[in-house]
Protein backbone atom coordinates (compact mmCIF):
# COMPACT_ATOMS: atom_id res chain seq x y z
CA MET A 1 -22.47 1.69 -13.70
CA ASN A 2 -21.38 5.92 -13.07
CA ASN A 3 -23.41 8.01 -9.62
CA PRO A 4 -23.43 11.52 -11.38
CA HIS A 5 -23.63 12.49 -8.38
CA PHE A 6 -20.73 10.89 -6.74
CA THR A 7 -16.86 12.23 -7.58
CA MET A 8 -14.54 11.31 -6.77
CA PRO A 9 -12.13 13.67 -4.82
CA LYS A 10 -8.57 15.41 -6.03
CA VAL A 11 -6.32 12.96 -4.03
CA ARG A 12 -2.52 13.27 -4.61
CA ILE A 13 -0.80 10.02 -2.37
CA VAL A 14 2.75 11.30 -0.93
CA VAL A 15 5.31 9.32 -1.16
CA ALA A 16 8.27 10.82 0.05
CA ASP A 17 12.51 10.12 1.42
CA ALA A 18 14.91 13.23 1.64
CA SER A 19 16.32 12.35 -1.40
CA ARG A 20 12.45 11.87 -3.77
CA ALA A 21 9.49 12.54 -3.41
CA ARG A 22 6.78 10.72 -6.14
CA LEU A 23 3.20 11.77 -5.81
CA PHE A 24 0.29 9.59 -7.02
CA THR A 25 -3.25 10.17 -7.42
CA THR A 26 -5.87 6.97 -8.75
CA ASP A 27 -8.87 7.48 -10.06
CA SER A 28 -11.26 5.27 -7.70
CA PRO A 29 -11.75 4.91 -3.88
CA LYS A 30 -10.33 1.15 -5.01
CA GLY A 31 -8.83 2.22 -8.06
CA ASP A 32 -4.38 1.97 -9.00
CA PHE A 33 -2.52 4.07 -8.33
CA LYS A 34 -0.66 6.69 -11.26
CA GLU A 35 2.12 8.39 -10.88
CA VAL A 36 1.68 12.31 -12.31
CA ASP A 37 5.00 13.73 -10.68
CA THR A 38 8.58 12.79 -9.00
CA LEU A 39 10.39 15.66 -6.92
CA ILE A 40 14.09 14.31 -7.10
CA ASN A 41 16.94 15.85 -3.78
CA PRO A 42 19.87 15.00 -5.40
CA GLU A 43 22.59 16.55 -2.65
CA ALA A 44 20.17 14.47 -0.51
CA ARG A 45 22.89 11.27 -1.95
CA LEU A 46 25.21 13.16 -1.39
CA HIS A 47 27.91 12.78 1.83
CA ASP A 48 28.06 15.66 4.03
CA GLY A 49 31.97 16.23 3.10
CA ASP A 50 30.48 16.16 -0.67
CA LEU A 51 27.80 19.00 0.44
CA THR A 52 30.24 21.06 2.06
CA THR A 53 32.90 22.98 0.28
CA ASP A 54 33.25 25.82 1.92
CA ARG A 55 33.69 25.76 6.18
CA PRO A 56 32.88 27.94 8.76
CA GLY A 57 35.37 29.60 10.02
CA ARG A 58 37.58 29.59 12.58
CA GLN A 59 38.54 31.20 15.76
CA ALA A 60 40.30 30.47 19.11
CA ASP A 61 37.82 30.40 22.03
CA SER A 62 38.60 32.59 25.08
CA MET A 63 41.28 30.51 27.16
CA ASN A 64 42.85 29.58 24.44
CA SER A 65 42.13 26.11 25.04
CA GLY A 66 40.93 25.57 21.58
CA ARG A 67 39.14 26.37 18.75
CA SER A 68 35.49 26.71 17.60
CA ALA A 69 33.71 27.45 14.37
CA MET A 70 32.33 30.75 14.25
CA GLU A 71 28.24 29.59 13.07
CA GLU A 72 26.34 27.44 14.50
CA HIS A 73 26.16 24.64 11.71
CA SER A 74 23.91 21.43 11.22
CA GLU A 75 24.53 18.99 9.35
CA PRO A 76 24.83 19.89 5.95
CA LYS A 77 22.02 16.55 5.01
CA GLU A 78 19.62 17.88 7.82
CA VAL A 79 19.97 20.96 5.91
CA GLU A 80 19.48 19.44 2.55
CA ALA A 81 16.24 17.39 3.77
CA GLN A 82 15.07 20.79 5.28
CA LYS A 83 15.29 23.03 1.74
CA PHE A 84 13.50 19.60 -0.03
CA ALA A 85 10.86 19.57 2.83
CA ARG A 86 9.66 23.31 1.76
CA GLU A 87 9.97 22.14 -1.54
CA LEU A 88 7.59 19.68 -2.09
CA ALA A 89 5.34 21.74 0.33
CA ASP A 90 5.07 24.33 -1.63
CA ASN A 91 4.63 22.36 -4.33
CA LEU A 92 1.27 20.51 -3.36
CA GLU A 93 0.22 23.88 -1.62
CA HIS A 94 0.55 25.09 -5.43
CA THR A 95 -1.16 22.16 -6.58
CA ARG A 96 -3.71 23.53 -4.15
CA SER A 97 -3.39 26.74 -4.10
CA GLN A 98 -4.47 26.42 -8.29
CA GLY A 99 -7.88 23.78 -6.89
CA GLU A 100 -5.86 20.61 -8.13
CA LEU A 101 -6.23 18.57 -4.41
CA ASP A 102 -8.71 17.71 -2.29
CA LYS A 103 -7.39 14.98 -0.33
CA ILE A 104 -3.53 14.16 0.41
CA TYR A 105 -1.67 10.82 1.90
CA ILE A 106 1.26 10.95 3.16
CA ALA A 107 4.06 8.37 3.98
CA ALA A 108 7.12 8.99 4.84
CA PRO A 109 9.91 8.40 6.65
CA PRO A 110 9.89 9.81 10.65
CA LYS A 111 12.45 12.07 10.59
CA PHE A 112 11.31 13.88 6.89
CA LEU A 113 7.52 13.47 7.99
CA GLY A 114 8.37 15.42 11.03
CA GLU A 115 10.64 18.45 8.95
CA LEU A 116 7.60 18.11 5.68
CA ARG A 117 5.14 18.76 8.55
CA LYS A 118 6.72 21.81 9.66
CA HIS A 119 6.53 23.41 5.86
CA LEU A 120 2.62 23.08 5.67
CA LYS A 121 0.67 25.49 5.26
CA PRO A 122 -2.56 25.58 7.89
CA GLU A 123 -4.51 24.88 4.24
CA LEU A 124 -2.51 21.36 2.87
CA ARG A 125 -2.58 20.37 6.59
CA ALA A 126 -6.45 20.72 6.39
CA ILE A 127 -6.69 18.23 3.63
CA VAL A 128 -4.23 15.44 4.58
CA ALA A 129 -5.73 13.02 5.51
CA GLU A 130 -4.04 10.02 6.45
CA GLU A 131 0.18 10.23 7.35
CA ILE A 132 1.87 7.20 7.50
CA GLY A 133 5.52 7.27 8.72
CA LYS A 134 6.82 4.76 6.97
CA ASP A 135 10.01 4.11 3.88
CA PHE A 136 7.82 3.73 1.12
CA SER A 137 10.45 4.83 -1.57
CA GLN A 138 11.82 1.95 -3.42
CA MET A 139 7.73 0.82 -3.71
CA SER A 140 6.32 0.48 -7.10
CA ALA A 141 2.37 1.83 -7.28
CA ARG A 142 1.07 -1.68 -7.11
CA GLU A 143 3.03 -2.26 -3.67
CA LEU A 144 1.53 1.00 -2.12
CA ARG A 145 -1.74 0.81 -3.08
CA LYS A 146 -1.19 -2.85 -0.58
CA HIS A 147 -0.17 -0.26 1.81
CA PHE A 148 -2.96 2.24 1.95
CA PRO A 149 -6.91 2.52 3.27
CA GLU A 150 -8.76 -0.06 1.53
CA ARG A 151 -10.34 3.07 0.00
CA ILE A 152 -9.34 6.31 -0.52
CA LYS A 153 -12.37 8.12 -0.42
């Protein structure tokens, strides 16, 4: 039954949000998903106030009409999501550079998916087979399988 000419590509199914990324693989085009790695970003679950220990310095503006932050600020959760997207992209790039990755399927909420795209190197972007802009992060492997193409090739 095994076809000696068919070799299943080294596939990763990445299901992520700003707080967690789960990486799955499958042994056959219609096979079950097996979770092979999980990356956690615990900071994403904190409230913004818990993420900032020091506020930017304040100074009076030139018109003395109020105070303004001395540095441009981003929401702390956004900064943490950016860091996590970079960490996930680096993890995938390392796996690809080791010859362990031929094709990637990604599911993530649209905002995090966009952030992740920014950090994917061209070599990694070239092997992304499909992106799904939805949050599947709480689904089991069995539930996830139903949302991906019937045959992962």
